[in-house]
N, C-alpha and C. Protein backbone atom coordinates (compact mmCIF):
# COMPACT_ATOMS: atom_id res chain seq x y z
N LEU A 1 71.11 247.01 112.34
CA LEU A 1 72.09 245.98 112.34
C LEU A 1 71.47 244.81 112.95
N HIS A 2 70.47 244.90 113.85
CA HIS A 2 69.75 243.70 114.49
C HIS A 2 68.85 242.97 113.61
N GLY A 3 68.46 243.51 112.43
CA GLY A 3 67.58 242.79 111.41
C GLY A 3 68.71 241.78 110.77
N VAL A 4 70.06 242.07 110.75
CA VAL A 4 70.93 240.87 109.88
C VAL A 4 70.93 239.58 110.74
N PRO A 5 71.12 239.58 111.84
CA PRO A 5 71.11 238.12 112.51
C PRO A 5 69.91 237.63 112.33
N ILE A 6 68.89 238.18 112.40
CA ILE A 6 67.51 237.75 112.33
C ILE A 6 67.23 237.01 111.13
N ALA A 7 67.27 237.93 110.08
CA ALA A 7 67.45 237.32 108.93
C ALA A 7 68.14 236.10 108.31
N PHE A 8 69.36 236.27 108.88
CA PHE A 8 70.55 235.28 108.73
C PHE A 8 69.68 234.03 109.05
N THR A 9 69.52 234.02 110.51
CA THR A 9 69.05 233.00 111.12
C THR A 9 67.79 232.35 110.43
N LEU A 10 66.85 233.17 110.18
CA LEU A 10 65.64 232.50 109.49
C LEU A 10 65.89 232.14 108.18
N SER A 11 66.62 232.68 107.39
CA SER A 11 67.18 232.02 105.94
C SER A 11 67.40 230.67 106.27
N THR A 12 68.71 230.58 107.13
CA THR A 12 69.38 229.34 107.36
C THR A 12 68.49 228.36 107.70
N THR A 13 67.68 228.52 109.02
CA THR A 13 66.75 227.44 109.53
C THR A 13 65.66 227.04 108.56
N ILE A 14 65.11 228.20 107.52
CA ILE A 14 64.07 227.67 106.65
C ILE A 14 64.80 226.60 105.43
N THR A 15 65.77 226.99 105.21
CA THR A 15 66.40 226.15 104.10
C THR A 15 66.82 224.87 104.66
N LEU A 16 66.94 224.69 105.95
CA LEU A 16 67.66 223.50 106.50
C LEU A 16 66.31 222.70 106.73
N LEU A 17 65.21 223.36 107.18
CA LEU A 17 63.74 222.74 107.50
C LEU A 17 63.22 222.31 106.13
N ALA A 18 63.46 222.86 105.10
CA ALA A 18 62.72 222.59 103.80
C ALA A 18 63.42 221.31 103.38
N LYS A 19 65.02 221.27 103.53
CA LYS A 19 65.76 220.14 103.14
C LYS A 19 65.84 218.92 103.96
N GLN A 20 64.83 218.81 105.19
CA GLN A 20 64.61 218.09 106.22
C GLN A 20 66.31 217.40 106.67
N GLN A 21 66.82 218.56 107.06
CA GLN A 21 68.42 218.38 107.42
C GLN A 21 68.30 218.72 108.94
N PHE A 22 67.28 218.63 109.89
CA PHE A 22 67.53 218.88 111.17
C PHE A 22 67.64 217.46 111.96
N ASN A 23 68.41 217.49 113.02
CA ASN A 23 68.62 216.34 113.75
C ASN A 23 69.08 217.08 115.12
N ASP A 24 68.74 216.51 116.36
CA ASP A 24 68.99 216.88 117.55
C ASP A 24 70.08 216.24 117.88
N ASN A 25 71.27 217.12 118.75
CA ASN A 25 72.50 216.38 119.30
C ASN A 25 72.29 216.11 120.74
N ALA A 26 71.11 216.40 121.34
CA ALA A 26 70.88 216.46 122.80
C ALA A 26 71.49 217.52 123.41
N ARG A 27 72.33 218.63 122.97
CA ARG A 27 72.50 219.71 123.56
C ARG A 27 72.05 220.87 122.91
N GLY A 28 70.82 220.90 122.53
CA GLY A 28 70.09 222.02 121.98
C GLY A 28 70.60 222.69 120.63
N ASN A 29 71.45 221.63 119.93
CA ASN A 29 71.99 222.55 118.85
C ASN A 29 71.15 221.41 117.60
N CYS A 30 70.52 221.71 116.86
CA CYS A 30 69.82 221.31 115.65
C CYS A 30 70.28 221.16 114.30
N TYR A 31 71.28 222.16 114.33
CA TYR A 31 72.02 222.54 112.96
C TYR A 31 73.14 221.22 112.35
N GLU A 32 74.15 220.98 113.31
CA GLU A 32 75.09 220.15 112.72
C GLU A 32 75.07 218.68 112.91
N PRO A 33 74.44 218.03 113.60
CA PRO A 33 74.64 216.76 113.77
C PRO A 33 74.04 215.86 112.49
N VAL A 34 74.51 214.82 111.80
CA VAL A 34 74.32 213.83 111.07
C VAL A 34 73.77 212.69 111.73
N TYR A 35 72.58 212.42 111.30
CA TYR A 35 71.86 210.98 111.97
C TYR A 35 72.47 210.02 111.71
N ARG A 36 73.39 209.26 112.57
CA ARG A 36 74.08 207.89 112.67
C ARG A 36 73.93 207.34 113.93
N PRO A 37 72.69 206.85 114.03
CA PRO A 37 72.48 205.71 115.18
C PRO A 37 73.19 204.63 115.18
N PRO A 38 73.46 203.62 116.09
CA PRO A 38 73.89 202.44 115.95
C PRO A 38 73.39 201.47 114.73
N HIS A 39 71.84 201.68 114.65
CA HIS A 39 71.45 200.60 113.49
C HIS A 39 71.54 201.04 112.12
N CYS A 40 72.58 201.83 112.10
CA CYS A 40 72.92 202.59 110.67
C CYS A 40 74.28 201.85 110.17
N LYS A 41 74.51 201.17 111.34
CA LYS A 41 76.06 200.81 110.89
C LYS A 41 75.94 199.76 109.80
N GLY A 42 76.73 200.04 108.63
CA GLY A 42 76.67 199.00 107.29
C GLY A 42 75.82 199.57 106.42
N TYR A 43 75.17 200.76 106.66
CA TYR A 43 74.06 201.48 105.74
C TYR A 43 75.00 202.72 105.06
N GLU A 44 74.58 202.95 103.82
CA GLU A 44 74.97 204.07 103.35
C GLU A 44 74.14 205.32 103.45
N ASP A 45 74.68 206.56 103.43
CA ASP A 45 73.98 207.69 103.49
C ASP A 45 72.88 207.85 102.73
N GLY A 46 71.46 207.94 103.05
CA GLY A 46 70.42 208.13 102.20
C GLY A 46 69.45 206.52 102.46
N GLU A 47 70.10 205.80 102.75
CA GLU A 47 69.35 204.39 102.94
C GLU A 47 68.51 204.28 104.21
N THR A 48 67.40 203.70 104.10
CA THR A 48 66.36 203.72 105.42
C THR A 48 66.46 202.23 105.85
N ARG A 49 66.73 201.91 106.88
CA ARG A 49 66.73 200.44 107.54
C ARG A 49 65.16 200.32 107.57
N GLU A 50 65.05 198.83 107.33
CA GLU A 50 63.88 198.31 107.53
C GLU A 50 63.28 198.38 108.94
N GLY A 51 62.13 198.92 109.19
CA GLY A 51 61.41 199.27 110.32
C GLY A 51 61.77 200.88 110.94
N PHE A 52 62.43 201.50 110.27
CA PHE A 52 62.84 203.03 110.61
C PHE A 52 62.32 203.85 109.73
N ASN A 53 62.13 204.96 110.10
CA ASN A 53 61.50 206.21 108.99
C ASN A 53 62.53 207.09 108.62
N ILE A 54 63.50 207.31 109.36
CA ILE A 54 64.71 208.13 109.08
C ILE A 54 65.74 207.83 108.36
N PRO A 55 65.97 208.06 107.28
CA PRO A 55 67.30 207.56 106.43
C PRO A 55 68.51 207.73 107.24
N CYS A 56 69.59 206.94 107.23
CA CYS A 56 70.70 207.08 107.74
C CYS A 56 71.47 208.12 106.88
N GLY A 57 72.43 208.86 107.89
CA GLY A 57 73.04 209.94 107.24
C GLY A 57 72.12 211.26 107.19
N ARG A 58 71.05 211.29 107.53
CA ARG A 58 70.13 212.47 107.24
C ARG A 58 70.94 213.60 108.03
N GLY A 59 71.19 214.75 107.14
CA GLY A 59 71.73 215.97 107.55
C GLY A 59 72.98 216.17 107.44
N HIS A 60 73.48 215.17 106.35
CA HIS A 60 74.87 215.44 105.82
C HIS A 60 75.03 216.70 105.19
N ASP A 61 74.16 217.00 104.54
CA ASP A 61 74.23 218.36 103.81
C ASP A 61 73.81 219.52 104.40
N GLY A 62 72.97 219.51 105.45
CA GLY A 62 72.73 220.36 106.62
C GLY A 62 74.35 220.73 107.43
N ALA A 63 74.94 219.74 107.61
CA ALA A 63 76.32 219.89 108.45
C ALA A 63 77.15 220.39 107.64
N VAL A 64 77.26 220.36 106.52
CA VAL A 64 77.98 220.84 105.44
C VAL A 64 77.80 222.26 105.49
N LEU A 65 76.57 222.46 105.04
CA LEU A 65 75.90 224.28 105.08
C LEU A 65 76.19 224.90 106.15
N PHE A 66 75.99 224.17 107.49
CA PHE A 66 76.27 224.95 108.80
C PHE A 66 77.75 224.95 108.80
N HIS A 67 78.60 224.37 108.57
CA HIS A 67 80.05 224.57 108.75
C HIS A 67 80.71 225.55 107.61
N TYR A 68 80.26 225.52 106.63
CA TYR A 68 80.58 226.73 105.70
C TYR A 68 80.15 228.05 106.15
N VAL A 69 78.88 228.15 106.51
CA VAL A 69 78.29 229.46 106.89
C VAL A 69 79.15 229.59 108.26
N ALA A 70 79.01 228.63 109.03
CA ALA A 70 79.79 229.08 110.46
C ALA A 70 80.95 229.56 110.27
N PHE A 71 81.84 228.90 109.36
CA PHE A 71 83.20 229.32 109.19
C PHE A 71 83.23 230.82 108.39
N PHE A 72 82.50 230.94 107.61
CA PHE A 72 82.52 232.40 106.78
C PHE A 72 82.12 233.54 107.77
N THR A 73 81.07 233.38 108.46
CA THR A 73 80.50 234.20 109.67
C THR A 73 81.36 234.47 110.32
N THR A 74 81.94 233.92 111.26
CA THR A 74 83.00 233.95 112.18
C THR A 74 84.28 234.44 111.70
N MET A 75 84.85 234.02 110.77
CA MET A 75 86.39 234.32 110.15
C MET A 75 85.97 235.41 109.38
N PHE A 76 84.75 235.84 108.52
CA PHE A 76 85.20 236.92 107.67
C PHE A 76 83.94 238.15 107.90
N LEU A 77 82.72 237.56 108.36
CA LEU A 77 81.33 238.39 108.15
C LEU A 77 81.53 239.32 109.43
N VAL A 78 81.75 238.59 110.49
CA VAL A 78 81.71 239.22 111.95
C VAL A 78 82.85 240.27 111.95
N PRO A 79 84.21 239.93 111.70
CA PRO A 79 85.23 240.90 112.03
C PRO A 79 85.19 241.97 111.17
N LEU A 80 84.42 241.89 109.95
CA LEU A 80 84.40 243.01 108.66
C LEU A 80 83.18 243.81 109.36
N ILE A 81 82.40 243.59 109.58
CA ILE A 81 81.31 244.32 110.52
C ILE A 81 81.74 245.15 111.66
N VAL A 82 82.34 244.10 112.45
CA VAL A 82 82.77 244.97 113.80
C VAL A 82 84.06 245.81 113.48
N GLY A 83 85.02 245.60 112.70
CA GLY A 83 85.86 246.39 112.28
C GLY A 83 85.39 247.65 111.64
N SER A 84 84.73 247.69 110.65
CA SER A 84 84.13 248.56 110.06
C SER A 84 83.25 249.60 110.64
N SER A 85 82.42 249.15 111.87
CA SER A 85 81.45 250.03 112.51
C SER A 85 82.75 250.66 113.49
N LEU A 86 83.88 249.85 114.50
CA LEU A 86 84.55 250.73 115.02
C LEU A 86 85.61 251.71 114.35
N GLY A 87 85.90 251.54 113.22
CA GLY A 87 86.53 252.25 112.42
C GLY A 87 85.82 253.38 112.15
N ILE A 88 84.42 253.44 111.70
CA ILE A 88 83.76 254.54 111.63
C ILE A 88 83.41 255.38 113.14
N ILE A 89 83.37 254.96 113.99
CA ILE A 89 83.30 255.54 115.21
C ILE A 89 84.44 256.16 115.67
N TYR A 90 85.66 255.24 115.36
CA TYR A 90 87.10 256.13 115.72
C TYR A 90 87.04 257.35 114.75
N ARG A 91 86.74 257.27 113.53
CA ARG A 91 86.99 258.59 112.73
C ARG A 91 86.19 259.59 113.17
N SER A 92 84.76 259.37 113.71
CA SER A 92 84.10 260.11 114.24
C SER A 92 84.48 260.92 115.39
N VAL A 93 85.22 260.28 116.39
CA VAL A 93 85.57 260.82 117.52
C VAL A 93 86.81 261.55 117.53
N LEU A 94 87.94 260.76 116.26
CA LEU A 94 88.89 261.67 115.80
C LEU A 94 88.90 263.02 115.42
N LYS A 95 87.70 263.07 114.59
CA LYS A 95 87.06 264.56 113.97
C LYS A 95 86.86 265.39 115.12
N GLN A 96 85.94 264.98 115.94
CA GLN A 96 85.36 265.72 117.32
C GLN A 96 86.60 265.90 118.01
N ASP A 97 87.61 265.27 118.21
CA ASP A 97 89.07 265.68 119.01
C ASP A 97 89.68 266.89 118.11
N LYS A 98 89.66 266.93 117.01
CA LYS A 98 90.41 267.84 116.22
C LYS A 98 89.50 269.21 116.41
N ASN A 99 88.39 269.03 116.33
CA ASN A 99 87.52 270.11 116.28
C ASN A 99 87.55 270.85 117.86
N MET A 100 87.70 269.85 118.62
CA MET A 100 87.60 270.50 120.32
C MET A 100 89.14 271.00 120.55
N ALA A 101 89.80 270.81 119.94
CA ALA A 101 91.36 271.03 119.98
C ALA A 101 91.49 272.31 119.72
N MET A 102 90.71 273.19 118.82
CA MET A 102 90.60 274.36 118.65
C MET A 102 90.07 275.53 119.71
N TYR A 103 89.31 274.74 120.53
CA TYR A 103 88.81 275.63 121.67
C TYR A 103 89.36 275.10 122.87
N GLY A 104 88.82 275.87 124.19
CA GLY A 104 89.19 275.51 125.35
C GLY A 104 90.79 275.87 126.01
N ALA A 105 91.02 275.48 126.95
CA ALA A 105 92.33 276.08 127.48
C ALA A 105 93.73 275.52 126.95
N SER A 106 93.55 274.51 126.22
CA SER A 106 94.75 273.72 125.35
C SER A 106 94.85 274.90 124.65
N THR A 107 94.19 275.71 123.93
CA THR A 107 94.36 276.75 122.94
C THR A 107 95.49 277.77 123.58
N LEU A 108 95.08 278.10 124.70
CA LEU A 108 96.12 279.18 125.23
C LEU A 108 97.57 278.70 125.39
N ASP A 109 97.69 277.42 125.84
CA ASP A 109 99.47 276.95 126.14
C ASP A 109 99.69 277.59 127.05
N LEU A 110 99.17 277.49 128.36
CA LEU A 110 99.64 278.30 129.43
C LEU A 110 100.83 277.37 130.34
N GLY A 111 101.92 277.34 129.63
CA GLY A 111 102.96 276.64 130.37
C GLY A 111 102.87 275.12 130.17
N GLY A 112 102.59 274.81 128.89
CA GLY A 112 102.37 273.30 128.51
C GLY A 112 101.48 272.42 129.36
N THR A 113 100.69 273.13 129.72
CA THR A 113 99.60 272.42 130.56
C THR A 113 98.40 271.28 129.83
N ALA A 114 98.57 271.49 128.32
CA ALA A 114 97.78 270.77 127.53
C ALA A 114 97.94 269.28 127.79
N ARG A 115 96.90 268.68 127.38
CA ARG A 115 96.58 267.25 127.56
C ARG A 115 97.60 266.38 126.49
N PRO A 116 98.38 265.50 126.90
CA PRO A 116 99.11 264.80 125.96
C PRO A 116 98.27 264.29 124.80
N PRO A 117 98.69 264.11 123.58
CA PRO A 117 97.99 263.54 122.47
C PRO A 117 97.35 261.87 122.86
N ASP A 118 98.07 261.27 123.53
CA ASP A 118 97.64 259.81 123.86
C ASP A 118 96.76 259.60 124.76
N ARG A 119 96.18 260.69 125.20
CA ARG A 119 95.09 260.64 126.40
C ARG A 119 93.95 261.31 125.65
N SER A 120 93.74 261.29 124.35
CA SER A 120 92.75 261.99 123.69
C SER A 120 91.70 260.78 123.56
N ASN A 121 90.43 261.38 123.42
CA ASN A 121 89.20 260.47 123.35
C ASN A 121 89.07 259.46 122.12
N SER A 122 89.92 259.87 120.92
CA SER A 122 90.12 258.82 119.93
C SER A 122 91.21 257.76 120.37
N ARG A 123 92.29 258.21 121.12
CA ARG A 123 93.04 257.04 121.40
C ARG A 123 92.31 255.83 122.14
N VAL A 124 91.35 256.73 123.27
CA VAL A 124 90.80 255.59 124.06
C VAL A 124 89.93 254.77 123.30
N VAL A 125 89.05 255.31 122.21
CA VAL A 125 88.36 254.67 121.27
C VAL A 125 89.16 253.72 120.56
N MET A 126 90.36 253.83 119.93
CA MET A 126 91.10 253.07 119.27
C MET A 126 91.54 251.74 120.10
N HIS A 127 91.91 252.18 121.41
CA HIS A 127 92.42 251.09 122.19
C HIS A 127 90.96 250.01 122.79
N ARG A 128 90.00 250.79 122.74
CA ARG A 128 88.87 250.01 123.26
C ARG A 128 88.32 248.91 121.69
N ALA A 129 88.79 249.16 120.51
CA ALA A 129 88.56 248.78 119.47
C ALA A 129 89.38 247.37 119.48
N LEU A 130 90.68 247.74 119.59
CA LEU A 130 91.62 246.86 119.53
C LEU A 130 91.35 245.71 120.68
N ALA A 131 90.74 246.00 121.77
CA ALA A 131 90.46 245.09 122.94
C ALA A 131 89.35 244.49 122.54
N TYR A 132 88.19 244.96 121.95
CA TYR A 132 87.19 244.09 121.28
C TYR A 132 87.53 243.17 120.21
N SER A 133 88.34 243.55 119.27
CA SER A 133 89.03 242.67 118.22
C SER A 133 89.57 241.33 118.93
N ILE A 134 90.78 241.76 119.84
CA ILE A 134 91.62 240.44 120.56
C ILE A 134 90.26 239.70 121.27
N SER A 135 89.70 240.14 121.95
CA SER A 135 88.53 239.30 122.72
C SER A 135 87.73 238.61 121.84
N TYR A 136 87.29 239.05 120.65
CA TYR A 136 86.59 238.25 119.76
C TYR A 136 87.30 237.13 119.27
N PHE A 137 88.65 237.04 118.80
CA PHE A 137 89.41 236.12 118.54
C PHE A 137 89.85 235.20 119.52
N LEU A 138 89.81 235.55 120.54
CA LEU A 138 90.14 234.61 121.98
C LEU A 138 88.88 233.82 122.26
N ALA A 139 87.55 234.68 121.98
CA ALA A 139 86.56 233.76 122.25
C ALA A 139 86.11 232.92 121.04
N TRP A 140 86.48 233.24 119.98
CA TRP A 140 85.82 232.36 118.85
C TRP A 140 87.18 231.63 118.09
N GLY A 141 88.27 231.91 118.53
CA GLY A 141 89.38 231.26 117.91
C GLY A 141 89.47 229.72 117.92
N PHE A 142 89.12 229.08 118.68
CA PHE A 142 89.14 227.57 118.84
C PHE A 142 87.92 227.05 118.07
N PHE A 143 86.77 228.01 118.18
CA PHE A 143 85.52 227.35 117.00
C PHE A 143 86.25 227.46 115.63
N ILE A 144 86.90 228.30 115.44
CA ILE A 144 87.27 228.61 113.81
C ILE A 144 88.04 227.58 113.40
N VAL A 145 89.08 227.24 114.65
CA VAL A 145 90.13 226.20 114.06
C VAL A 145 89.38 224.62 113.91
N GLY A 146 88.25 224.54 114.56
CA GLY A 146 87.56 223.28 114.71
C GLY A 146 86.74 223.28 113.60
N THR A 147 86.46 224.38 113.26
CA THR A 147 85.45 224.42 111.67
C THR A 147 86.36 224.09 110.78
N ARG A 148 87.54 224.56 110.66
CA ARG A 148 88.39 224.09 109.62
C ARG A 148 88.81 222.60 109.40
N PHE A 149 88.73 222.03 110.72
CA PHE A 149 89.08 220.55 110.55
C PHE A 149 87.90 219.89 110.11
N ALA A 150 86.73 220.55 110.43
CA ALA A 150 85.33 220.02 109.81
C ALA A 150 85.23 220.23 108.40
N LEU A 151 85.65 221.26 107.88
CA LEU A 151 85.71 221.62 106.44
C LEU A 151 86.40 220.88 105.65
N ALA A 152 87.49 220.23 106.28
CA ALA A 152 88.48 219.22 105.78
C ALA A 152 88.13 217.97 105.99
N ASN A 153 86.97 217.68 106.48
CA ASN A 153 86.49 216.02 106.69
C ASN A 153 87.33 215.53 107.55
N GLU A 154 87.95 216.19 108.66
CA GLU A 154 88.85 215.69 109.78
C GLU A 154 88.03 215.78 111.20
N GLU A 155 88.24 215.13 112.13
CA GLU A 155 87.56 215.19 113.23
C GLU A 155 88.37 216.41 114.14
N TRP A 156 87.64 217.06 115.02
CA TRP A 156 88.15 217.97 116.06
C TRP A 156 88.88 217.43 116.79
N PRO A 157 90.28 217.87 117.12
CA PRO A 157 91.01 217.58 118.22
C PRO A 157 90.27 217.55 119.54
N THR A 158 90.43 216.82 120.55
CA THR A 158 89.80 216.79 121.65
C THR A 158 89.84 218.01 122.50
N ALA A 159 91.21 218.51 122.52
CA ALA A 159 91.35 219.77 123.08
C ALA A 159 90.68 220.83 122.59
N VAL A 160 90.55 221.14 121.34
CA VAL A 160 89.91 222.09 120.39
C VAL A 160 88.31 221.95 120.57
N ARG A 161 87.95 220.85 120.63
CA ARG A 161 86.40 220.57 121.01
C ARG A 161 86.15 221.24 122.50
N TYR A 162 86.98 220.86 123.49
CA TYR A 162 86.56 221.14 125.02
C TYR A 162 86.83 222.61 124.84
N LEU A 163 87.78 223.24 124.34
CA LEU A 163 88.18 224.41 124.35
C LEU A 163 87.14 225.34 123.68
N SER A 164 86.69 224.94 122.40
CA SER A 164 85.33 225.80 121.69
C SER A 164 84.19 225.95 122.52
N ASN A 165 83.91 224.76 123.51
CA ASN A 165 82.58 224.55 124.22
C ASN A 165 82.76 225.35 125.43
N THR A 166 83.87 225.79 125.84
CA THR A 166 84.20 226.66 127.15
C THR A 166 83.77 227.93 127.13
């Protein structure tokens, strides 16, 4: 699974580098920003003002690519991978619980001292999987909402921007 994020990152950055879509936003992020300095006022995207080398609006395609990839990844790809991985783990532990139930003191049923079913290992794994899923959406929910605004060509609300960066 570690090869997936490495391959994804390399393919995205190589694509953006080949299209000359990198711009620095002074916060360590080179994907998203579109090059629009003050001297580009009144110039269309792609025009280069006299005396400057970088065209105004450079990075627009990279920003669009970044927003689509970020939205798809955070909204669909990560929950799909995490959900399927935790589902496989849950099924494996549930199968192991069923096998273990055939052995041990619980099979003797000495006065009903068997462990209740809600304290089984599979139940613990299921609760842990739900906790991971909820924490994922709590951590990335504001970014997902902000990316939806960006895909609709609207500004992020200030509160969403601040909450996304925390």
